[in-house]
Amino acid sequence: MTTFVLIHGAEDGAWSWHLVEAALRERGHDVVAVDLPSDDENAAYPEYADTVVKAIGDRTDLIVVGHSLGGFTAPIVAERTNADLIVFVSGMIPRPGETPNEWWENTGHNDLVYEPAEGEDENAQFYHDVPPELAAEALRRARVQQLTPMDRVWPLETWPSIPSRVLIGRDDRFMPAEWSREVAKDRLGIEADMIDGGHCLPLSRPQEVADQLERFAAEL
């Protein structure tokens, strides 16, 4: 049995993974998903990782999954727990010595321009393909994301010697697919896997995300 460790992104919580969690549990897997202390102005990635590692306990056969900003926490957790795989789901892939604020410039994300369609607001770049009731609930559940980690250097000095996979959404407006593919090649030297959907794949395509995570586990 594989244990999938699901790490949420900025302004999110464990709830953002609840549909994927249910799908994985139905297939016989164990799941760990917790709220990071992202509302604590004194907390950054070591503290985020502490929270996840504590929740993992003595579980083994781990696949650590980071969504969006959760990509900065996932490799730390994976290294500390000797995980079998790191998966980035529309995730930020850090480099040693880099801060998240530097990541935007270093990856070229600052050069991307998002223009809402007529009648859309800024939230559309994240939730345009999420069912409206789920999108509304996600916004209602939004948590404070303190900016403390954004200027903190990512603490790992070298990349973990753990395999990695990248899953991206073909319709992602925040991290466009072709750009994400280039980042995965540049930073990890791998080809990203792609499915239909936007940035919030755990809400818009939970069954497909679970399918891919299960496939990644089978291919180890």
N, C-alpha and C. Protein backbone atom coordinates (compact mmCIF):
# COMPACT_ATOMS: atom_id res chain seq x y z
N MET A 1 0.83 -1.20 0.00
CA MET A 1 0.00 0.00 0.00
C MET A 1 0.87 1.25 0.00
N THR A 2 0.59 2.13 -0.91
CA THR A 2 1.30 3.40 -1.00
C THR A 2 0.61 4.44 -0.12
N THR A 3 1.43 5.26 0.53
CA THR A 3 0.90 6.42 1.25
C THR A 3 1.20 7.66 0.43
N PHE A 4 0.18 8.36 0.02
CA PHE A 4 0.33 9.61 -0.72
C PHE A 4 0.26 10.77 0.26
N VAL A 5 1.30 11.57 0.26
CA VAL A 5 1.38 12.74 1.13
C VAL A 5 1.06 13.96 0.27
N LEU A 6 -0.07 14.60 0.53
CA LEU A 6 -0.59 15.65 -0.34
C LEU A 6 -0.41 17.01 0.33
N ILE A 7 0.38 17.88 -0.30
CA ILE A 7 0.74 19.18 0.27
C ILE A 7 0.08 20.28 -0.55
N HIS A 8 -0.67 21.12 0.13
CA HIS A 8 -1.44 22.16 -0.57
C HIS A 8 -0.58 23.38 -0.91
N GLY A 9 -1.15 24.25 -1.73
CA GLY A 9 -0.47 25.47 -2.16
C GLY A 9 -0.86 26.67 -1.32
N ALA A 10 -0.49 27.85 -1.80
CA ALA A 10 -0.73 29.10 -1.08
C ALA A 10 -2.22 29.37 -0.95
N GLU A 11 -2.60 29.87 0.21
CA GLU A 11 -3.98 30.25 0.54
C GLU A 11 -4.94 29.06 0.53
N ASP A 12 -4.40 27.87 0.45
CA ASP A 12 -5.22 26.66 0.46
C ASP A 12 -5.03 25.93 1.78
N GLY A 13 -5.71 24.80 1.90
CA GLY A 13 -5.55 23.91 3.04
C GLY A 13 -5.70 22.48 2.57
N ALA A 14 -5.70 21.57 3.52
CA ALA A 14 -5.83 20.15 3.18
C ALA A 14 -7.12 19.87 2.41
N TRP A 15 -8.15 20.70 2.66
CA TRP A 15 -9.43 20.50 1.97
C TRP A 15 -9.28 20.50 0.46
N SER A 16 -8.33 21.26 -0.06
CA SER A 16 -8.17 21.35 -1.52
C SER A 16 -7.87 20.00 -2.16
N TRP A 17 -7.42 19.04 -1.34
CA TRP A 17 -7.10 17.70 -1.84
C TRP A 17 -8.21 16.70 -1.54
N HIS A 18 -9.35 17.11 -0.96
CA HIS A 18 -10.28 16.13 -0.42
C HIS A 18 -10.85 15.18 -1.47
N LEU A 19 -11.03 15.64 -2.69
CA LEU A 19 -11.58 14.77 -3.73
C LEU A 19 -10.54 13.74 -4.20
N VAL A 20 -9.30 14.18 -4.32
CA VAL A 20 -8.22 13.25 -4.68
C VAL A 20 -8.01 12.25 -3.55
N GLU A 21 -8.04 12.75 -2.32
CA GLU A 21 -7.88 11.86 -1.16
C GLU A 21 -8.94 10.76 -1.17
N ALA A 22 -10.19 11.14 -1.40
CA ALA A 22 -11.26 10.15 -1.42
C ALA A 22 -11.04 9.12 -2.53
N ALA A 23 -10.62 9.59 -3.70
CA ALA A 23 -10.38 8.68 -4.82
C ALA A 23 -9.26 7.70 -4.52
N LEU A 24 -8.20 8.18 -3.89
CA LEU A 24 -7.07 7.30 -3.56
C LEU A 24 -7.44 6.30 -2.48
N ARG A 25 -8.19 6.76 -1.49
CA ARG A 25 -8.60 5.84 -0.42
C ARG A 25 -9.53 4.75 -0.97
N GLU A 26 -10.39 5.11 -1.90
CA GLU A 26 -11.28 4.12 -2.52
C GLU A 26 -10.48 3.04 -3.24
N ARG A 27 -9.26 3.39 -3.66
CA ARG A 27 -8.42 2.43 -4.39
C ARG A 27 -7.48 1.67 -3.45
N GLY A 28 -7.64 1.89 -2.14
CA GLY A 28 -6.87 1.12 -1.17
C GLY A 28 -5.59 1.75 -0.67
N HIS A 29 -5.36 3.00 -1.01
CA HIS A 29 -4.14 3.67 -0.58
C HIS A 29 -4.38 4.47 0.70
N ASP A 30 -3.30 4.77 1.39
CA ASP A 30 -3.35 5.65 2.55
C ASP A 30 -3.02 7.07 2.08
N VAL A 31 -3.52 8.06 2.79
CA VAL A 31 -3.32 9.46 2.42
C VAL A 31 -3.03 10.28 3.67
N VAL A 32 -2.07 11.19 3.55
CA VAL A 32 -1.80 12.19 4.58
C VAL A 32 -1.95 13.56 3.94
N ALA A 33 -2.86 14.37 4.48
CA ALA A 33 -3.05 15.75 4.01
C ALA A 33 -3.36 16.61 5.22
N VAL A 34 -2.55 17.63 5.45
CA VAL A 34 -2.72 18.48 6.63
C VAL A 34 -2.66 19.95 6.23
N ASP A 35 -3.20 20.80 7.09
CA ASP A 35 -3.06 22.24 6.90
C ASP A 35 -1.66 22.66 7.32
N LEU A 36 -0.94 23.31 6.42
CA LEU A 36 0.36 23.87 6.78
C LEU A 36 0.17 25.11 7.67
N PRO A 37 1.17 25.46 8.49
CA PRO A 37 1.05 26.66 9.32
C PRO A 37 1.34 27.94 8.53
N SER A 38 0.70 28.05 7.38
CA SER A 38 0.98 29.16 6.47
C SER A 38 0.44 30.49 6.97
N ASP A 39 -0.42 30.44 8.00
CA ASP A 39 -0.93 31.68 8.59
C ASP A 39 -0.06 32.18 9.73
N ASP A 40 1.03 31.47 10.03
CA ASP A 40 1.96 31.83 11.10
C ASP A 40 3.10 32.65 10.49
N GLU A 41 3.23 33.89 10.90
CA GLU A 41 4.24 34.76 10.30
C GLU A 41 5.66 34.35 10.66
N ASN A 42 5.82 33.45 11.63
CA ASN A 42 7.15 32.97 12.00
C ASN A 42 7.52 31.66 11.32
N ALA A 43 6.60 31.13 10.53
CA ALA A 43 6.84 29.82 9.92
C ALA A 43 7.27 29.96 8.46
N ALA A 44 8.17 29.07 8.04
CA ALA A 44 8.59 28.98 6.65
C ALA A 44 8.73 27.49 6.32
N TYR A 45 9.50 27.16 5.30
CA TYR A 45 9.48 25.78 4.81
C TYR A 45 9.95 24.73 5.82
N PRO A 46 10.95 24.99 6.66
CA PRO A 46 11.28 23.97 7.67
C PRO A 46 10.10 23.67 8.59
N GLU A 47 9.37 24.71 8.99
CA GLU A 47 8.21 24.51 9.86
C GLU A 47 7.06 23.83 9.11
N TYR A 48 6.89 24.18 7.84
CA TYR A 48 5.88 23.51 7.03
C TYR A 48 6.20 22.01 6.97
N ALA A 49 7.47 21.72 6.70
CA ALA A 49 7.88 20.31 6.60
C ALA A 49 7.71 19.60 7.94
N ASP A 50 8.02 20.27 9.04
CA ASP A 50 7.82 19.66 10.37
C ASP A 50 6.38 19.20 10.54
N THR A 51 5.44 20.04 10.13
CA THR A 51 4.02 19.73 10.28
C THR A 51 3.66 18.47 9.49
N VAL A 52 4.16 18.38 8.27
CA VAL A 52 3.84 17.22 7.43
C VAL A 52 4.51 15.96 7.96
N VAL A 53 5.78 16.06 8.32
CA VAL A 53 6.51 14.89 8.81
C VAL A 53 5.86 14.34 10.09
N LYS A 54 5.42 15.24 10.95
CA LYS A 54 4.74 14.79 12.17
C LYS A 54 3.46 14.02 11.83
N ALA A 55 2.72 14.50 10.83
CA ALA A 55 1.49 13.82 10.43
C ALA A 55 1.77 12.46 9.78
N ILE A 56 2.90 12.34 9.10
CA ILE A 56 3.26 11.07 8.46
C ILE A 56 3.54 10.00 9.51
N GLY A 57 4.18 10.39 10.59
CA GLY A 57 4.49 9.43 11.64
C GLY A 57 5.43 8.35 11.15
N ASP A 58 5.08 7.09 11.39
CA ASP A 58 5.97 5.98 11.01
C ASP A 58 5.56 5.32 9.70
N ARG A 59 4.73 5.98 8.93
CA ARG A 59 4.34 5.41 7.64
C ARG A 59 5.54 5.30 6.70
N THR A 60 5.48 4.33 5.81
CA THR A 60 6.53 4.12 4.80
C THR A 60 5.88 4.04 3.42
N ASP A 61 6.69 3.73 2.41
CA ASP A 61 6.20 3.65 1.02
C ASP A 61 5.50 4.93 0.63
N LEU A 62 6.24 6.03 0.76
CA LEU A 62 5.67 7.37 0.61
C LEU A 62 5.88 7.95 -0.79
N ILE A 63 4.85 8.59 -1.31
CA ILE A 63 4.95 9.46 -2.47
C ILE A 63 4.50 10.84 -2.02
N VAL A 64 5.38 11.81 -2.13
CA VAL A 64 5.11 13.16 -1.63
C VAL A 64 4.73 14.05 -2.79
N VAL A 65 3.55 14.68 -2.69
CA VAL A 65 2.97 15.43 -3.79
C VAL A 65 2.78 16.88 -3.36
N GLY A 66 3.30 17.82 -4.15
CA GLY A 66 3.15 19.24 -3.85
C GLY A 66 2.40 19.96 -4.95
N HIS A 67 1.35 20.68 -4.58
CA HIS A 67 0.59 21.47 -5.53
C HIS A 67 1.02 22.93 -5.44
N SER A 68 1.33 23.55 -6.57
CA SER A 68 1.65 24.97 -6.65
C SER A 68 2.79 25.31 -5.67
N LEU A 69 2.58 26.24 -4.73
CA LEU A 69 3.63 26.60 -3.78
C LEU A 69 4.04 25.41 -2.91
N GLY A 70 3.19 24.41 -2.80
CA GLY A 70 3.54 23.20 -2.07
C GLY A 70 4.77 22.50 -2.63
N GLY A 71 5.15 22.86 -3.86
CA GLY A 71 6.36 22.30 -4.45
C GLY A 71 7.62 22.69 -3.71
N PHE A 72 7.58 23.79 -2.97
CA PHE A 72 8.75 24.17 -2.18
C PHE A 72 8.89 23.33 -0.92
N THR A 73 7.80 22.77 -0.44
CA THR A 73 7.83 21.95 0.78
C THR A 73 8.03 20.47 0.46
N ALA A 74 7.49 20.01 -0.65
CA ALA A 74 7.49 18.57 -0.95
C ALA A 74 8.89 17.94 -0.95
N PRO A 75 9.91 18.52 -1.60
CA PRO A 75 11.22 17.86 -1.59
C PRO A 75 11.84 17.78 -0.20
N ILE A 76 11.56 18.77 0.65
CA ILE A 76 12.11 18.74 2.02
C ILE A 76 11.51 17.56 2.78
N VAL A 77 10.19 17.41 2.67
CA VAL A 77 9.52 16.29 3.33
C VAL A 77 10.03 14.97 2.76
N ALA A 78 10.16 14.89 1.45
CA ALA A 78 10.61 13.65 0.82
C ALA A 78 11.99 13.24 1.30
N GLU A 79 12.89 14.21 1.40
CA GLU A 79 14.24 13.89 1.86
C GLU A 79 14.23 13.44 3.31
N ARG A 80 13.46 14.11 4.14
CA ARG A 80 13.45 13.79 5.57
C ARG A 80 12.80 12.44 5.86
N THR A 81 11.93 11.98 4.98
CA THR A 81 11.20 10.73 5.21
C THR A 81 11.67 9.59 4.32
N ASN A 82 12.69 9.85 3.52
CA ASN A 82 13.19 8.83 2.58
C ASN A 82 12.07 8.32 1.68
N ALA A 83 11.33 9.26 1.11
CA ALA A 83 10.20 8.92 0.24
C ALA A 83 10.68 8.24 -1.04
N ASP A 84 9.75 7.58 -1.71
CA ASP A 84 10.07 6.89 -2.95
C ASP A 84 9.97 7.78 -4.18
N LEU A 85 9.17 8.86 -4.08
CA LEU A 85 8.92 9.70 -5.25
C LEU A 85 8.44 11.07 -4.80
N ILE A 86 8.84 12.10 -5.58
CA ILE A 86 8.31 13.45 -5.43
C ILE A 86 7.47 13.75 -6.67
N VAL A 87 6.27 14.27 -6.47
CA VAL A 87 5.42 14.64 -7.60
C VAL A 87 5.02 16.11 -7.46
N PHE A 88 5.23 16.86 -8.53
CA PHE A 88 4.79 18.25 -8.59
C PHE A 88 3.51 18.30 -9.42
N VAL A 89 2.41 18.73 -8.81
CA VAL A 89 1.15 18.90 -9.52
C VAL A 89 0.94 20.40 -9.72
N SER A 90 1.12 20.86 -10.96
CA SER A 90 1.12 22.31 -11.22
C SER A 90 1.98 23.00 -10.17
N GLY A 91 3.14 22.44 -9.93
CA GLY A 91 3.94 22.84 -8.78
C GLY A 91 5.16 23.68 -9.11
N MET A 92 5.55 24.51 -8.17
CA MET A 92 6.78 25.29 -8.26
C MET A 92 7.96 24.38 -7.94
N ILE A 93 8.91 24.31 -8.83
CA ILE A 93 10.09 23.44 -8.67
C ILE A 93 11.26 24.32 -8.25
N PRO A 94 11.69 24.24 -7.00
CA PRO A 94 12.74 25.14 -6.52
C PRO A 94 14.15 24.66 -6.87
N ARG A 95 15.09 25.56 -6.67
CA ARG A 95 16.50 25.22 -6.75
C ARG A 95 17.18 25.60 -5.44
N PRO A 96 18.22 24.86 -5.05
CA PRO A 96 18.97 25.25 -3.85
C PRO A 96 19.43 26.70 -3.93
N GLY A 97 19.29 27.42 -2.81
CA GLY A 97 19.72 28.80 -2.75
C GLY A 97 18.73 29.81 -3.28
N GLU A 98 17.55 29.36 -3.69
CA GLU A 98 16.56 30.22 -4.32
C GLU A 98 15.42 30.52 -3.35
N THR A 99 14.88 31.73 -3.41
CA THR A 99 13.67 32.06 -2.68
C THR A 99 12.48 31.99 -3.65
N PRO A 100 11.27 31.85 -3.12
CA PRO A 100 10.11 31.88 -4.02
C PRO A 100 10.01 33.17 -4.81
N ASN A 101 10.34 34.31 -4.20
CA ASN A 101 10.28 35.57 -4.93
C ASN A 101 11.27 35.59 -6.09
N GLU A 102 12.41 34.96 -5.90
CA GLU A 102 13.39 34.86 -7.00
C GLU A 102 12.91 33.87 -8.06
N TRP A 103 12.17 32.86 -7.63
CA TRP A 103 11.69 31.82 -8.55
C TRP A 103 10.89 32.42 -9.70
N TRP A 104 10.03 33.40 -9.40
CA TRP A 104 9.20 33.99 -10.45
C TRP A 104 10.05 34.58 -11.57
N GLU A 105 11.11 35.26 -11.19
CA GLU A 105 11.99 35.87 -12.19
C GLU A 105 12.87 34.82 -12.87
N ASN A 106 13.44 33.92 -12.07
CA ASN A 106 14.38 32.93 -12.59
C ASN A 106 13.75 31.98 -13.61
N THR A 107 12.47 31.68 -13.42
CA THR A 107 11.79 30.76 -14.34
C THR A 107 11.16 31.47 -15.53
N GLY A 108 11.14 32.80 -15.49
CA GLY A 108 10.49 33.55 -16.55
C GLY A 108 9.01 33.74 -16.35
N HIS A 109 8.50 33.35 -15.17
CA HIS A 109 7.07 33.48 -14.93
C HIS A 109 6.64 34.95 -14.95
N ASN A 110 7.54 35.84 -14.53
CA ASN A 110 7.20 37.27 -14.51
C ASN A 110 6.90 37.81 -15.91
N ASP A 111 7.35 37.09 -16.94
CA ASP A 111 7.12 37.56 -18.31
C ASP A 111 5.78 37.07 -18.88
N LEU A 112 5.12 36.20 -18.14
CA LEU A 112 3.83 35.69 -18.61
C LEU A 112 2.75 36.72 -18.30
N VAL A 113 1.82 36.86 -19.20
CA VAL A 113 0.75 37.85 -19.05
C VAL A 113 -0.59 37.13 -19.08
N TYR A 114 -1.39 37.34 -18.03
CA TYR A 114 -2.73 36.76 -17.99
C TYR A 114 -3.76 37.86 -18.17
N GLU A 115 -4.62 37.66 -19.13
CA GLU A 115 -5.70 38.61 -19.39
C GLU A 115 -7.04 37.90 -19.19
N PRO A 116 -7.82 38.28 -18.17
CA PRO A 116 -9.13 37.66 -17.99
C PRO A 116 -10.01 37.87 -19.21
N ALA A 117 -10.81 36.88 -19.53
CA ALA A 117 -11.78 37.03 -20.61
C ALA A 117 -12.89 37.97 -20.16
N GLU A 118 -13.65 38.45 -21.10
CA GLU A 118 -14.74 39.36 -20.78
C GLU A 118 -15.69 38.71 -19.77
N GLY A 119 -15.96 39.44 -18.69
CA GLY A 119 -16.86 38.94 -17.67
C GLY A 119 -16.19 38.11 -16.59
N GLU A 120 -14.89 37.83 -16.75
CA GLU A 120 -14.16 37.05 -15.74
C GLU A 120 -13.40 37.97 -14.80
N ASP A 121 -13.12 37.47 -13.59
CA ASP A 121 -12.26 38.20 -12.67
C ASP A 121 -10.92 37.47 -12.54
N GLU A 122 -10.05 37.99 -11.68
CA GLU A 122 -8.72 37.40 -11.55
C GLU A 122 -8.76 35.94 -11.07
N ASN A 123 -9.80 35.57 -10.32
CA ASN A 123 -9.87 34.20 -9.83
C ASN A 123 -10.03 33.19 -10.96
N ALA A 124 -10.43 33.67 -12.13
CA ALA A 124 -10.64 32.75 -13.25
C ALA A 124 -9.36 32.06 -13.68
N GLN A 125 -8.21 32.68 -13.45
CA GLN A 125 -6.97 32.02 -13.86
C GLN A 125 -6.70 30.76 -13.04
N PHE A 126 -7.33 30.67 -11.87
CA PHE A 126 -7.18 29.48 -11.04
C PHE A 126 -8.37 28.54 -11.13
N TYR A 127 -9.58 29.08 -11.19
CA TYR A 127 -10.79 28.28 -11.01
C TYR A 127 -11.68 28.20 -12.24
N HIS A 128 -11.18 28.58 -13.40
CA HIS A 128 -12.06 28.66 -14.58
C HIS A 128 -12.69 27.33 -14.95
N ASP A 129 -12.06 26.20 -14.60
CA ASP A 129 -12.63 24.90 -14.96
C ASP A 129 -13.07 24.10 -13.74
N VAL A 130 -13.07 24.74 -12.57
CA VAL A 130 -13.56 24.10 -11.35
C VAL A 130 -15.08 24.31 -11.28
N PRO A 131 -15.86 23.27 -10.97
CA PRO A 131 -17.30 23.47 -10.84
C PRO A 131 -17.61 24.67 -9.94
N PRO A 132 -18.56 25.51 -10.33
CA PRO A 132 -18.79 26.77 -9.61
C PRO A 132 -19.00 26.61 -8.10
N GLU A 133 -19.71 25.57 -7.70
CA GLU A 133 -19.95 25.40 -6.27
C GLU A 133 -18.66 25.05 -5.52
N LEU A 134 -17.79 24.29 -6.19
CA LEU A 134 -16.50 23.97 -5.58
C LEU A 134 -15.59 25.19 -5.55
N ALA A 135 -15.61 25.97 -6.62
CA ALA A 135 -14.80 27.18 -6.65
C ALA A 135 -15.23 28.15 -5.56
N ALA A 136 -16.53 28.29 -5.37
CA ALA A 136 -17.04 29.17 -4.33
C ALA A 136 -16.63 28.68 -2.95
N GLU A 137 -16.68 27.37 -2.76
CA GLU A 137 -16.27 26.81 -1.46
C GLU A 137 -14.78 26.98 -1.24
N ALA A 138 -13.99 26.82 -2.29
CA ALA A 138 -12.54 27.02 -2.17
C ALA A 138 -12.23 28.46 -1.76
N LEU A 139 -12.90 29.42 -2.36
CA LEU A 139 -12.69 30.81 -2.01
C LEU A 139 -13.15 31.09 -0.57
N ARG A 140 -14.24 30.45 -0.17
CA ARG A 140 -14.72 30.63 1.20
C ARG A 140 -13.72 30.08 2.21
N ARG A 141 -13.05 29.00 1.85
CA ARG A 141 -12.11 28.34 2.75
C ARG A 141 -10.68 28.89 2.63
N ALA A 142 -10.48 29.89 1.79
CA ALA A 142 -9.12 30.41 1.60
C ALA A 142 -8.50 30.81 2.93
N ARG A 143 -7.23 30.44 3.10
CA ARG A 143 -6.51 30.70 4.34
C ARG A 143 -5.45 31.78 4.09
N VAL A 144 -5.09 32.45 5.15
CA VAL A 144 -4.04 33.47 5.05
C VAL A 144 -2.71 32.80 4.69
N GLN A 145 -2.02 33.35 3.72
CA GLN A 145 -0.67 32.91 3.39
C GLN A 145 0.29 34.04 3.76
N GLN A 146 0.97 33.87 4.89
CA GLN A 146 1.96 34.87 5.28
C GLN A 146 3.08 34.92 4.25
N LEU A 147 3.65 36.10 4.09
CA LEU A 147 4.69 36.28 3.08
C LEU A 147 6.09 35.92 3.58
N THR A 148 6.18 35.51 4.83
CA THR A 148 7.49 35.17 5.42
C THR A 148 8.32 34.24 4.54
N PRO A 149 7.75 33.13 4.02
CA PRO A 149 8.58 32.21 3.26
C PRO A 149 9.08 32.76 1.93
N MET A 150 8.44 33.80 1.43
CA MET A 150 8.73 34.24 0.07
C MET A 150 10.15 34.78 -0.10
N ASP A 151 10.71 35.30 0.97
CA ASP A 151 12.09 35.80 0.91
C ASP A 151 13.07 34.89 1.64
N ARG A 152 12.62 33.72 2.04
CA ARG A 152 13.50 32.75 2.71
C ARG A 152 14.13 31.83 1.67
N VAL A 153 15.41 31.64 1.79
CA VAL A 153 16.12 30.74 0.87
C VAL A 153 15.66 29.31 1.10
N TRP A 154 15.39 28.62 0.01
CA TRP A 154 15.02 27.21 0.11
C TRP A 154 16.15 26.46 0.80
N PRO A 155 15.87 25.70 1.87
CA PRO A 155 16.95 25.25 2.76
C PRO A 155 17.79 24.08 2.28
N LEU A 156 17.34 23.31 1.29
CA LEU A 156 18.16 22.18 0.86
C LEU A 156 19.36 22.67 0.05
N GLU A 157 20.53 22.13 0.36
CA GLU A 157 21.75 22.53 -0.34
C GLU A 157 21.93 21.78 -1.65
N THR A 158 21.35 20.61 -1.75
CA THR A 158 21.39 19.83 -2.99
C THR A 158 20.02 19.20 -3.21
N TRP A 159 19.73 18.87 -4.45
CA TRP A 159 18.45 18.24 -4.76
C TRP A 159 18.44 16.81 -4.21
N PRO A 160 17.33 16.38 -3.61
CA PRO A 160 17.27 15.01 -3.07
C PRO A 160 17.50 13.96 -4.15
N SER A 161 18.14 12.87 -3.77
CA SER A 161 18.38 11.77 -4.71
C SER A 161 17.15 10.86 -4.74
N ILE A 162 16.03 11.46 -5.10
CA ILE A 162 14.73 10.79 -5.15
C ILE A 162 14.12 11.08 -6.51
N PRO A 163 13.55 10.09 -7.19
CA PRO A 163 12.93 10.37 -8.49
C PRO A 163 11.82 11.41 -8.36
N SER A 164 11.60 12.13 -9.46
CA SER A 164 10.56 13.15 -9.49
C SER A 164 9.70 12.99 -10.73
N ARG A 165 8.44 13.38 -10.61
CA ARG A 165 7.52 13.47 -11.74
C ARG A 165 6.82 14.82 -11.67
N VAL A 166 6.38 15.27 -12.82
CA VAL A 166 5.67 16.55 -12.93
C VAL A 166 4.37 16.33 -13.67
N LEU A 167 3.27 16.78 -13.08
CA LEU A 167 1.95 16.68 -13.71
C LEU A 167 1.40 18.09 -13.90
N ILE A 168 1.05 18.42 -15.13
CA ILE A 168 0.57 19.77 -15.43
C ILE A 168 -0.77 19.71 -16.13
N GLY A 169 -1.49 20.84 -16.08
CA GLY A 169 -2.78 20.95 -16.73
C GLY A 169 -2.65 21.59 -18.10
N ARG A 170 -3.22 20.98 -19.07
CA ARG A 170 -3.15 21.48 -20.45
C ARG A 170 -3.77 22.88 -20.58
N ASP A 171 -4.70 23.20 -19.69
CA ASP A 171 -5.44 24.46 -19.77
C ASP A 171 -5.08 25.44 -18.65
N ASP A 172 -3.95 25.22 -17.99
CA ASP A 172 -3.54 26.07 -16.87
C ASP A 172 -3.27 27.48 -17.36
N ARG A 173 -3.97 28.45 -16.78
CA ARG A 173 -3.77 29.85 -17.16
C ARG A 173 -2.73 30.54 -16.29
N PHE A 174 -2.46 29.98 -15.11
CA PHE A 174 -1.48 30.58 -14.20
C PHE A 174 -0.07 30.09 -14.51
N MET A 175 0.07 28.81 -14.78
CA MET A 175 1.34 28.22 -15.19
C MET A 175 1.11 27.52 -16.54
N PRO A 176 1.15 28.25 -17.63
CA PRO A 176 0.82 27.67 -18.94
C PRO A 176 1.62 26.41 -19.25
N ALA A 177 0.97 25.49 -19.93
CA ALA A 177 1.53 24.15 -20.11
C ALA A 177 2.91 24.15 -20.77
N GLU A 178 3.07 24.88 -21.87
CA GLU A 178 4.36 24.85 -22.56
C GLU A 178 5.47 25.43 -21.71
N TRP A 179 5.15 26.49 -20.99
CA TRP A 179 6.13 27.07 -20.06
C TRP A 179 6.48 26.07 -18.97
N SER A 180 5.47 25.41 -18.40
CA SER A 180 5.71 24.42 -17.34
C SER A 180 6.56 23.26 -17.83
N ARG A 181 6.33 22.85 -19.07
CA ARG A 181 7.14 21.76 -19.62
C ARG A 181 8.61 22.16 -19.70
N GLU A 182 8.87 23.39 -20.10
CA GLU A 182 10.25 23.86 -20.19
C GLU A 182 10.90 23.95 -18.82
N VAL A 183 10.15 24.39 -17.81
CA VAL A 183 10.69 24.46 -16.45
C VAL A 183 11.04 23.06 -15.96
N ALA A 184 10.18 22.08 -16.23
CA ALA A 184 10.46 20.71 -15.80
C ALA A 184 11.71 20.16 -16.46
N LYS A 185 11.88 20.45 -17.75
CA LYS A 185 13.09 20.01 -18.46
C LYS A 185 14.33 20.68 -17.90
N ASP A 186 14.22 22.00 -17.69
CA ASP A 186 15.37 22.77 -17.24
C ASP A 186 15.79 22.40 -15.82
N ARG A 187 14.82 22.22 -14.95
CA ARG A 187 15.14 22.04 -13.53
C ARG A 187 15.29 20.59 -13.12
N LEU A 188 14.59 19.69 -13.77
CA LEU A 188 14.64 18.29 -13.37
C LEU A 188 15.14 17.38 -14.49
N GLY A 189 15.21 17.91 -15.71
CA GLY A 189 15.65 17.09 -16.84
C GLY A 189 14.66 16.03 -17.23
N ILE A 190 13.37 16.28 -16.99
CA ILE A 190 12.35 15.28 -17.30
C ILE A 190 11.22 15.91 -18.12
N GLU A 191 10.47 15.05 -18.78
CA GLU A 191 9.27 15.46 -19.50
C GLU A 191 8.09 15.46 -18.54
N ALA A 192 7.33 16.53 -18.53
CA ALA A 192 6.14 16.59 -17.70
C ALA A 192 5.03 15.73 -18.31
N ASP A 193 4.21 15.15 -17.45
CA ASP A 193 2.98 14.49 -17.88
C ASP A 193 1.87 15.53 -17.88
N MET A 194 0.94 15.41 -18.82
CA MET A 194 -0.08 16.44 -18.97
C MET A 194 -1.46 15.82 -19.07
N ILE A 195 -2.42 16.45 -18.40
CA ILE A 195 -3.82 16.07 -18.51
C ILE A 195 -4.65 17.33 -18.77
N ASP A 196 -5.89 17.15 -19.18
CA ASP A 196 -6.78 18.29 -19.32
C ASP A 196 -6.99 18.94 -17.95
N GLY A 197 -7.22 20.26 -17.97
CA GLY A 197 -7.52 20.95 -16.72
C GLY A 197 -6.64 22.16 -16.51
N GLY A 198 -7.06 23.00 -15.56
CA GLY A 198 -6.35 24.22 -15.25
C GLY A 198 -5.41 24.07 -14.07
N HIS A 199 -5.18 25.17 -13.36
CA HIS A 199 -4.18 25.15 -12.30
C HIS A 199 -4.62 24.32 -11.09
N CYS A 200 -5.89 24.35 -10.77
CA CYS A 200 -6.38 23.65 -9.58
C CYS A 200 -6.86 22.24 -9.93
N LEU A 201 -5.97 21.44 -10.45
CA LEU A 201 -6.30 20.09 -10.88
C LEU A 201 -6.92 19.23 -9.78
N PRO A 202 -6.48 19.36 -8.50
CA PRO A 202 -7.09 18.52 -7.47
C PRO A 202 -8.59 18.76 -7.30
N LEU A 203 -9.08 19.93 -7.70
CA LEU A 203 -10.51 20.20 -7.62
C LEU A 203 -11.23 19.99 -8.95
N SER A 204 -10.55 20.32 -10.05
CA SER A 204 -11.23 20.22 -11.35
C SER A 204 -11.13 18.84 -11.97
N ARG A 205 -10.07 18.10 -11.68
CA ARG A 205 -9.85 16.78 -12.29
C ARG A 205 -9.35 15.78 -11.24
N PRO A 206 -10.08 15.59 -10.15
CA PRO A 206 -9.57 14.73 -9.07
C PRO A 206 -9.37 13.27 -9.48
N GLN A 207 -10.29 12.71 -10.26
CA GLN A 207 -10.13 11.31 -10.66
C GLN A 207 -8.92 11.14 -11.56
N GLU A 208 -8.73 12.09 -12.47
CA GLU A 208 -7.58 12.03 -13.37
C GLU A 208 -6.28 12.19 -12.62
N VAL A 209 -6.25 13.08 -11.62
CA VAL A 209 -5.05 13.24 -10.80
C VAL A 209 -4.77 11.94 -10.05
N ALA A 210 -5.80 11.34 -9.47
CA ALA A 210 -5.62 10.07 -8.76
C ALA A 210 -5.11 8.99 -9.72
N ASP A 211 -5.65 8.96 -10.93
CA ASP A 211 -5.17 8.00 -11.94
C ASP A 211 -3.67 8.15 -12.17
N GLN A 212 -3.24 9.40 -12.35
CA GLN A 212 -1.84 9.65 -12.64
C GLN A 212 -0.96 9.31 -11.45
N LEU A 213 -1.40 9.66 -10.25
CA LEU A 213 -0.60 9.34 -9.06
C LEU A 213 -0.47 7.82 -8.89
N GLU A 214 -1.55 7.11 -9.14
CA GLU A 214 -1.49 5.66 -9.04
C GLU A 214 -0.56 5.08 -10.11
N ARG A 215 -0.60 5.66 -11.30
CA ARG A 215 0.31 5.20 -12.37
C ARG A 215 1.76 5.46 -12.01
N PHE A 216 2.04 6.65 -11.45
CA PHE A 216 3.41 6.95 -11.04
C PHE A 216 3.89 5.92 -10.02
N ALA A 217 3.02 5.57 -9.08
CA ALA A 217 3.39 4.58 -8.06
C ALA A 217 3.69 3.23 -8.69
N ALA A 218 2.87 2.82 -9.66
CA ALA A 218 3.06 1.53 -10.31
C ALA A 218 4.35 1.46 -11.12
N GLU A 219 4.81 2.63 -11.58
CA GLU A 219 6.00 2.66 -12.44
C GLU A 219 7.30 2.79 -11.65
N LEU A 220 7.24 2.87 -10.35
CA LEU A 220 8.47 2.94 -9.56
C LEU A 220 9.27 1.64 -9.63
